[in-house]
Amino acid sequence: MKEFEPVIVAFFCNWCTYTAADLAGTSRLSYPSNIKIIRMMCTGMVDPKYVIKAFLEGADAVLVSGCRPGDCHYINGNFKARRRMKLLKEILRPFGIEEERLRLTWIGASDGHKFAETICEMTAQVKKLGPIETKKTLVI
């Protein structure tokens, strides 16, 4: 039987986490290829419906990552993202989507190593959780 490989959809801030991903690549750091990156100008632009759509279309987990609080290029975008993700976790729980499947992190532009570690850690965590149950029960 083939080992489960999760699909992780990631919404990254253009200024910090996306740059850290680029740094990880140019530094030749290895991390799983399970991640599908969507570049956003700011995590504050990540609408909860984008996250829900990712889950509905087959994502096993969603990662939202951007600038550290206080370092946002758009002043308070990461604070908006933090509030939205907290509420979204509460909304997703009754639908059988575990809290661990949605993660919000702060990864600065110079944190290529932290980026690679985060992707490795999240992939391992989602592998332990297994395939998302909603893939079997949700009808679009």
N, C-alpha and C. Protein backbone atom coordinates (compact mmCIF):
# COMPACT_ATOMS: atom_id res chain seq x y z
N MET A 1 0.84 -1.19 0.00
CA MET A 1 0.00 0.00 0.00
C MET A 1 0.88 1.25 0.00
N LYS A 2 0.49 2.22 -0.81
CA LYS A 2 1.26 3.45 -0.92
C LYS A 2 1.09 4.30 0.34
N GLU A 3 2.20 4.88 0.81
CA GLU A 3 2.17 5.73 2.00
C GLU A 3 1.41 7.02 1.70
N PHE A 4 0.61 7.45 2.67
CA PHE A 4 -0.17 8.68 2.54
C PHE A 4 0.74 9.89 2.44
N GLU A 5 0.55 10.68 1.41
CA GLU A 5 1.28 11.93 1.24
C GLU A 5 0.28 13.07 1.26
N PRO A 6 0.30 13.89 2.30
CA PRO A 6 -0.70 14.96 2.42
C PRO A 6 -0.48 16.09 1.42
N VAL A 7 -1.58 16.75 1.11
CA VAL A 7 -1.53 17.96 0.29
C VAL A 7 -1.70 19.13 1.24
N ILE A 8 -0.73 20.03 1.25
CA ILE A 8 -0.77 21.20 2.12
C ILE A 8 -0.80 22.44 1.25
N VAL A 9 -1.86 23.22 1.39
CA VAL A 9 -1.98 24.48 0.67
C VAL A 9 -1.46 25.58 1.59
N ALA A 10 -0.57 26.41 1.08
CA ALA A 10 0.06 27.44 1.90
C ALA A 10 -0.16 28.83 1.30
N PHE A 11 -0.65 29.73 2.13
CA PHE A 11 -0.82 31.13 1.76
C PHE A 11 0.31 31.90 2.43
N PHE A 12 1.23 32.43 1.62
CA PHE A 12 2.42 33.09 2.15
C PHE A 12 2.43 34.58 1.83
N CYS A 13 2.85 35.35 2.82
CA CYS A 13 3.09 36.78 2.66
C CYS A 13 4.25 36.97 1.66
N ASN A 14 4.06 37.85 0.73
CA ASN A 14 5.08 38.17 -0.27
C ASN A 14 6.38 38.65 0.35
N TRP A 15 6.28 39.43 1.41
CA TRP A 15 7.44 40.13 1.96
C TRP A 15 8.28 39.29 2.90
N CYS A 16 7.68 38.33 3.57
CA CYS A 16 8.45 37.57 4.57
C CYS A 16 8.52 36.08 4.25
N THR A 17 7.42 35.36 4.42
CA THR A 17 7.50 33.91 4.29
C THR A 17 7.82 33.47 2.87
N TYR A 18 7.26 34.13 1.87
CA TYR A 18 7.58 33.77 0.50
C TYR A 18 9.07 33.99 0.23
N THR A 19 9.60 35.05 0.77
CA THR A 19 11.04 35.33 0.63
C THR A 19 11.86 34.27 1.37
N ALA A 20 11.37 33.83 2.54
CA ALA A 20 12.06 32.76 3.29
C ALA A 20 12.03 31.46 2.49
N ALA A 21 10.92 31.18 1.80
CA ALA A 21 10.84 29.98 0.96
C ALA A 21 11.86 30.07 -0.18
N ASP A 22 11.98 31.25 -0.75
CA ASP A 22 12.97 31.47 -1.81
C ASP A 22 14.38 31.27 -1.27
N LEU A 23 14.63 31.79 -0.07
CA LEU A 23 15.94 31.63 0.57
C LEU A 23 16.24 30.16 0.84
N ALA A 24 15.23 29.42 1.29
CA ALA A 24 15.42 27.98 1.54
C ALA A 24 15.79 27.27 0.24
N GLY A 25 15.16 27.66 -0.84
CA GLY A 25 15.47 27.06 -2.14
C GLY A 25 16.86 27.41 -2.62
N THR A 26 17.25 28.68 -2.53
CA THR A 26 18.57 29.07 -2.99
C THR A 26 19.68 28.54 -2.08
N SER A 27 19.31 28.26 -0.82
CA SER A 27 20.28 27.67 0.12
C SER A 27 20.32 26.15 0.01
N ARG A 28 19.50 25.62 -0.88
CA ARG A 28 19.41 24.17 -1.13
C ARG A 28 19.02 23.38 0.12
N LEU A 29 18.14 23.97 0.93
CA LEU A 29 17.61 23.26 2.09
C LEU A 29 16.54 22.30 1.60
N SER A 30 16.48 21.12 2.20
CA SER A 30 15.48 20.16 1.75
C SER A 30 14.26 20.21 2.66
N TYR A 31 13.12 20.09 2.03
CA TYR A 31 11.83 20.02 2.73
C TYR A 31 10.87 19.28 1.80
N PRO A 32 9.81 18.71 2.35
CA PRO A 32 8.87 17.93 1.53
C PRO A 32 8.22 18.76 0.43
N SER A 33 7.91 18.10 -0.64
CA SER A 33 7.28 18.79 -1.78
C SER A 33 5.76 18.74 -1.71
N ASN A 34 5.23 18.44 -0.55
CA ASN A 34 3.77 18.32 -0.37
C ASN A 34 3.07 19.67 -0.38
N ILE A 35 3.81 20.74 -0.36
CA ILE A 35 3.24 22.07 -0.18
C ILE A 35 2.95 22.74 -1.53
N LYS A 36 1.77 23.34 -1.61
CA LYS A 36 1.37 24.12 -2.78
C LYS A 36 1.27 25.57 -2.33
N ILE A 37 2.18 26.40 -2.81
CA ILE A 37 2.30 27.78 -2.32
C ILE A 37 1.44 28.74 -3.13
N ILE A 38 0.70 29.58 -2.40
CA ILE A 38 -0.05 30.67 -3.00
C ILE A 38 0.51 31.95 -2.40
N ARG A 39 1.04 32.78 -3.27
CA ARG A 39 1.69 34.02 -2.84
C ARG A 39 0.64 35.13 -2.67
N MET A 40 0.61 35.70 -1.49
CA MET A 40 -0.32 36.79 -1.17
C MET A 40 0.53 38.02 -0.84
N MET A 41 -0.01 39.20 -1.03
CA MET A 41 0.74 40.39 -0.64
C MET A 41 0.85 40.49 0.87
N CYS A 42 -0.15 39.96 1.60
CA CYS A 42 -0.16 40.03 3.05
C CYS A 42 -1.07 38.93 3.59
N THR A 43 -0.76 38.40 4.75
CA THR A 43 -1.64 37.39 5.35
C THR A 43 -3.00 37.98 5.70
N GLY A 44 -3.06 39.29 5.87
CA GLY A 44 -4.33 39.96 6.12
C GLY A 44 -5.28 39.86 4.94
N MET A 45 -4.77 39.49 3.77
CA MET A 45 -5.60 39.32 2.59
C MET A 45 -6.15 37.90 2.45
N VAL A 46 -5.78 37.01 3.36
CA VAL A 46 -6.26 35.63 3.28
C VAL A 46 -7.68 35.59 3.83
N ASP A 47 -8.63 35.54 2.93
CA ASP A 47 -10.04 35.48 3.30
C ASP A 47 -10.35 34.06 3.78
N PRO A 48 -11.13 33.89 4.84
CA PRO A 48 -11.48 32.55 5.31
C PRO A 48 -12.08 31.66 4.23
N LYS A 49 -12.77 32.24 3.25
CA LYS A 49 -13.35 31.40 2.20
C LYS A 49 -12.26 30.76 1.33
N TYR A 50 -11.07 31.38 1.24
CA TYR A 50 -9.97 30.74 0.51
C TYR A 50 -9.54 29.46 1.23
N VAL A 51 -9.49 29.52 2.55
CA VAL A 51 -9.09 28.37 3.35
C VAL A 51 -10.13 27.26 3.21
N ILE A 52 -11.38 27.63 3.33
CA ILE A 52 -12.47 26.64 3.20
C ILE A 52 -12.44 26.01 1.82
N LYS A 53 -12.24 26.83 0.80
CA LYS A 53 -12.17 26.31 -0.57
C LYS A 53 -11.01 25.32 -0.73
N ALA A 54 -9.88 25.62 -0.11
CA ALA A 54 -8.73 24.70 -0.17
C ALA A 54 -9.11 23.34 0.42
N PHE A 55 -9.76 23.35 1.57
CA PHE A 55 -10.19 22.08 2.18
C PHE A 55 -11.21 21.37 1.30
N LEU A 56 -12.17 22.10 0.75
CA LEU A 56 -13.20 21.49 -0.10
C LEU A 56 -12.61 20.87 -1.36
N GLU A 57 -11.50 21.46 -1.83
CA GLU A 57 -10.91 20.96 -3.07
C GLU A 57 -9.78 19.96 -2.84
N GLY A 58 -9.67 19.45 -1.61
CA GLY A 58 -8.77 18.33 -1.39
C GLY A 58 -7.55 18.55 -0.53
N ALA A 59 -7.36 19.73 0.02
CA ALA A 59 -6.20 19.95 0.89
C ALA A 59 -6.38 19.17 2.19
N ASP A 60 -5.29 18.57 2.64
CA ASP A 60 -5.30 17.88 3.94
C ASP A 60 -4.96 18.84 5.06
N ALA A 61 -4.34 19.96 4.73
CA ALA A 61 -3.99 20.98 5.71
C ALA A 61 -3.77 22.30 4.99
N VAL A 62 -3.87 23.39 5.76
CA VAL A 62 -3.63 24.72 5.23
C VAL A 62 -2.69 25.45 6.16
N LEU A 63 -1.68 26.07 5.58
CA LEU A 63 -0.71 26.87 6.33
C LEU A 63 -0.82 28.32 5.87
N VAL A 64 -0.96 29.22 6.83
CA VAL A 64 -0.96 30.65 6.55
C VAL A 64 0.25 31.21 7.29
N SER A 65 1.12 31.90 6.57
CA SER A 65 2.35 32.36 7.20
C SER A 65 2.78 33.71 6.65
N GLY A 66 3.24 34.56 7.57
CA GLY A 66 3.65 35.89 7.16
C GLY A 66 4.63 36.53 8.11
N CYS A 67 4.68 37.84 8.04
CA CYS A 67 5.60 38.63 8.86
C CYS A 67 5.26 38.49 10.35
N ARG A 68 6.28 38.68 11.16
CA ARG A 68 6.05 38.66 12.62
C ARG A 68 5.18 39.85 13.01
N PRO A 69 4.37 39.69 14.06
CA PRO A 69 3.57 40.84 14.52
C PRO A 69 4.47 42.05 14.79
N GLY A 70 4.05 43.18 14.29
CA GLY A 70 4.84 44.40 14.43
C GLY A 70 5.73 44.67 13.22
N ASP A 71 5.93 43.67 12.34
CA ASP A 71 6.78 43.84 11.18
C ASP A 71 6.01 43.87 9.86
N CYS A 72 4.69 43.90 9.93
CA CYS A 72 3.87 43.82 8.73
C CYS A 72 4.07 45.06 7.84
N HIS A 73 4.26 44.84 6.56
CA HIS A 73 4.40 45.94 5.61
C HIS A 73 3.09 46.71 5.45
N TYR A 74 1.99 46.10 5.85
CA TYR A 74 0.68 46.74 5.75
C TYR A 74 0.14 47.08 7.14
N ILE A 75 1.03 47.35 8.06
CA ILE A 75 0.77 47.79 9.43
C ILE A 75 0.18 46.71 10.32
N ASN A 76 -1.06 46.26 10.04
CA ASN A 76 -1.71 45.32 10.94
C ASN A 76 -2.31 44.10 10.25
N GLY A 77 -1.85 43.78 9.07
CA GLY A 77 -2.39 42.64 8.32
C GLY A 77 -2.25 41.32 9.05
N ASN A 78 -1.10 41.13 9.72
CA ASN A 78 -0.92 39.85 10.42
C ASN A 78 -1.82 39.74 11.65
N PHE A 79 -2.19 40.85 12.25
CA PHE A 79 -3.14 40.81 13.37
C PHE A 79 -4.52 40.41 12.86
N LYS A 80 -4.90 40.92 11.69
CA LYS A 80 -6.17 40.51 11.07
C LYS A 80 -6.16 39.01 10.79
N ALA A 81 -5.06 38.53 10.24
CA ALA A 81 -4.95 37.10 9.93
C ALA A 81 -5.07 36.26 11.20
N ARG A 82 -4.43 36.69 12.26
CA ARG A 82 -4.47 35.94 13.51
C ARG A 82 -5.91 35.82 14.02
N ARG A 83 -6.65 36.92 14.00
CA ARG A 83 -8.05 36.88 14.45
C ARG A 83 -8.89 35.97 13.56
N ARG A 84 -8.70 36.09 12.25
CA ARG A 84 -9.48 35.28 11.31
C ARG A 84 -9.20 33.79 11.47
N MET A 85 -7.93 33.42 11.62
CA MET A 85 -7.59 32.01 11.72
C MET A 85 -8.11 31.41 13.03
N LYS A 86 -8.09 32.19 14.10
CA LYS A 86 -8.62 31.71 15.37
C LYS A 86 -10.12 31.40 15.24
N LEU A 87 -10.86 32.32 14.64
CA LEU A 87 -12.29 32.09 14.42
C LEU A 87 -12.55 30.95 13.45
N LEU A 88 -11.74 30.86 12.43
CA LEU A 88 -11.91 29.82 11.42
C LEU A 88 -11.72 28.43 12.02
N LYS A 89 -10.77 28.28 12.94
CA LYS A 89 -10.58 26.99 13.60
C LYS A 89 -11.85 26.56 14.34
N GLU A 90 -12.51 27.52 14.97
CA GLU A 90 -13.76 27.24 15.68
C GLU A 90 -14.87 26.82 14.69
N ILE A 91 -14.90 27.47 13.55
CA ILE A 91 -15.92 27.17 12.55
C ILE A 91 -15.70 25.80 11.91
N LEU A 92 -14.44 25.44 11.67
CA LEU A 92 -14.13 24.18 10.98
C LEU A 92 -14.31 22.95 11.86
N ARG A 93 -14.15 23.10 13.16
CA ARG A 93 -14.22 21.95 14.08
C ARG A 93 -15.50 21.13 13.93
N PRO A 94 -16.69 21.76 13.90
CA PRO A 94 -17.93 20.95 13.77
C PRO A 94 -18.02 20.17 12.45
N PHE A 95 -17.23 20.57 11.47
CA PHE A 95 -17.23 19.87 10.18
C PHE A 95 -16.19 18.76 10.11
N GLY A 96 -15.59 18.45 11.24
CA GLY A 96 -14.63 17.34 11.30
C GLY A 96 -13.22 17.69 10.88
N ILE A 97 -12.90 18.95 10.80
CA ILE A 97 -11.54 19.36 10.42
C ILE A 97 -10.81 19.73 11.70
N GLU A 98 -9.84 18.90 12.05
CA GLU A 98 -9.10 19.10 13.28
C GLU A 98 -8.34 20.42 13.27
N GLU A 99 -8.17 20.98 14.44
CA GLU A 99 -7.49 22.27 14.61
C GLU A 99 -6.06 22.23 14.06
N GLU A 100 -5.42 21.08 14.16
CA GLU A 100 -4.02 20.95 13.71
C GLU A 100 -3.87 21.06 12.20
N ARG A 101 -4.96 20.97 11.48
CA ARG A 101 -4.90 21.03 10.01
C ARG A 101 -4.84 22.47 9.49
N LEU A 102 -5.05 23.43 10.36
CA LEU A 102 -4.94 24.84 9.99
C LEU A 102 -3.91 25.48 10.90
N ARG A 103 -2.86 26.01 10.31
CA ARG A 103 -1.78 26.57 11.11
C ARG A 103 -1.43 27.97 10.63
N LEU A 104 -1.14 28.83 11.60
CA LEU A 104 -0.69 30.19 11.32
C LEU A 104 0.70 30.34 11.94
N THR A 105 1.66 30.74 11.13
CA THR A 105 3.02 30.92 11.64
C THR A 105 3.56 32.28 11.19
N TRP A 106 4.61 32.70 11.88
CA TRP A 106 5.32 33.93 11.52
C TRP A 106 6.73 33.53 11.14
N ILE A 107 7.09 33.71 9.88
CA ILE A 107 8.42 33.37 9.41
C ILE A 107 8.98 34.58 8.66
N GLY A 108 10.06 35.13 9.18
CA GLY A 108 10.68 36.30 8.58
C GLY A 108 11.44 35.96 7.31
N ALA A 109 11.77 36.99 6.54
CA ALA A 109 12.43 36.82 5.25
C ALA A 109 13.77 36.12 5.35
N SER A 110 14.47 36.27 6.47
CA SER A 110 15.80 35.67 6.61
C SER A 110 15.75 34.31 7.31
N ASP A 111 14.56 33.76 7.50
CA ASP A 111 14.40 32.50 8.23
C ASP A 111 14.20 31.30 7.31
N GLY A 112 15.08 31.11 6.36
CA GLY A 112 14.98 29.98 5.44
C GLY A 112 14.99 28.64 6.17
N HIS A 113 15.84 28.54 7.20
CA HIS A 113 15.90 27.30 7.97
C HIS A 113 14.60 27.05 8.73
N LYS A 114 14.04 28.10 9.31
CA LYS A 114 12.77 27.96 10.04
C LYS A 114 11.66 27.56 9.07
N PHE A 115 11.69 28.09 7.86
CA PHE A 115 10.71 27.73 6.85
C PHE A 115 10.77 26.23 6.57
N ALA A 116 11.97 25.73 6.28
CA ALA A 116 12.14 24.30 5.98
C ALA A 116 11.71 23.43 7.16
N GLU A 117 12.08 23.83 8.37
CA GLU A 117 11.69 23.07 9.58
C GLU A 117 10.17 23.05 9.74
N THR A 118 9.53 24.18 9.51
CA THR A 118 8.08 24.27 9.66
C THR A 118 7.37 23.35 8.67
N ILE A 119 7.85 23.32 7.43
CA ILE A 119 7.23 22.47 6.41
C ILE A 119 7.43 21.00 6.77
N CYS A 120 8.62 20.64 7.20
CA CYS A 120 8.89 19.25 7.60
C CYS A 120 8.01 18.84 8.78
N GLU A 121 7.91 19.71 9.76
CA GLU A 121 7.12 19.43 10.96
C GLU A 121 5.64 19.30 10.63
N MET A 122 5.13 20.22 9.82
CA MET A 122 3.71 20.18 9.49
C MET A 122 3.37 18.95 8.65
N THR A 123 4.23 18.60 7.72
CA THR A 123 3.99 17.42 6.90
C THR A 123 3.95 16.16 7.76
N ALA A 124 4.88 16.04 8.70
CA ALA A 124 4.90 14.88 9.60
C ALA A 124 3.64 14.84 10.46
N GLN A 125 3.22 16.00 10.95
CA GLN A 125 2.01 16.06 11.79
C GLN A 125 0.77 15.64 11.00
N VAL A 126 0.64 16.10 9.77
CA VAL A 126 -0.53 15.77 8.96
C VAL A 126 -0.49 14.29 8.54
N LYS A 127 0.70 13.75 8.32
CA LYS A 127 0.81 12.32 8.02
C LYS A 127 0.28 11.49 9.19
N LYS A 128 0.58 11.91 10.42
CA LYS A 128 0.08 11.20 11.60
C LYS A 128 -1.45 11.30 11.69
N LEU A 129 -2.00 12.47 11.33
CA LEU A 129 -3.45 12.63 11.36
C LEU A 129 -4.15 11.79 10.31
N GLY A 130 -3.45 11.54 9.21
CA GLY A 130 -4.03 10.77 8.11
C GLY A 130 -4.83 11.65 7.17
N PRO A 131 -5.43 11.00 6.17
CA PRO A 131 -6.22 11.78 5.20
C PRO A 131 -7.38 12.46 5.90
N ILE A 132 -7.74 13.59 5.40
CA ILE A 132 -8.84 14.34 5.99
C ILE A 132 -10.15 13.58 5.76
N GLU A 133 -10.92 13.45 6.80
CA GLU A 133 -12.17 12.70 6.73
C GLU A 133 -13.20 13.37 5.85
N THR A 134 -13.14 14.67 5.75
CA THR A 134 -14.15 15.39 4.98
C THR A 134 -14.07 15.07 3.49
N LYS A 135 -12.94 14.54 3.02
CA LYS A 135 -12.84 14.17 1.61
C LYS A 135 -13.88 13.10 1.28
N LYS A 136 -14.20 12.27 2.27
CA LYS A 136 -15.17 11.20 2.06
C LYS A 136 -16.61 11.69 2.23
N THR A 137 -16.80 12.72 3.06
CA THR A 137 -18.15 13.11 3.42
C THR A 137 -18.64 14.41 2.79
N LEU A 138 -17.75 15.30 2.40
CA LEU A 138 -18.19 16.58 1.81
C LEU A 138 -18.60 16.39 0.36
N VAL A 139 -19.69 16.98 0.01
CA VAL A 139 -20.15 16.97 -1.38
C VAL A 139 -20.17 18.41 -1.83
N ILE A 140 -19.52 18.67 -2.94
CA ILE A 140 -19.44 20.05 -3.44
C ILE A 140 -20.63 20.32 -4.34
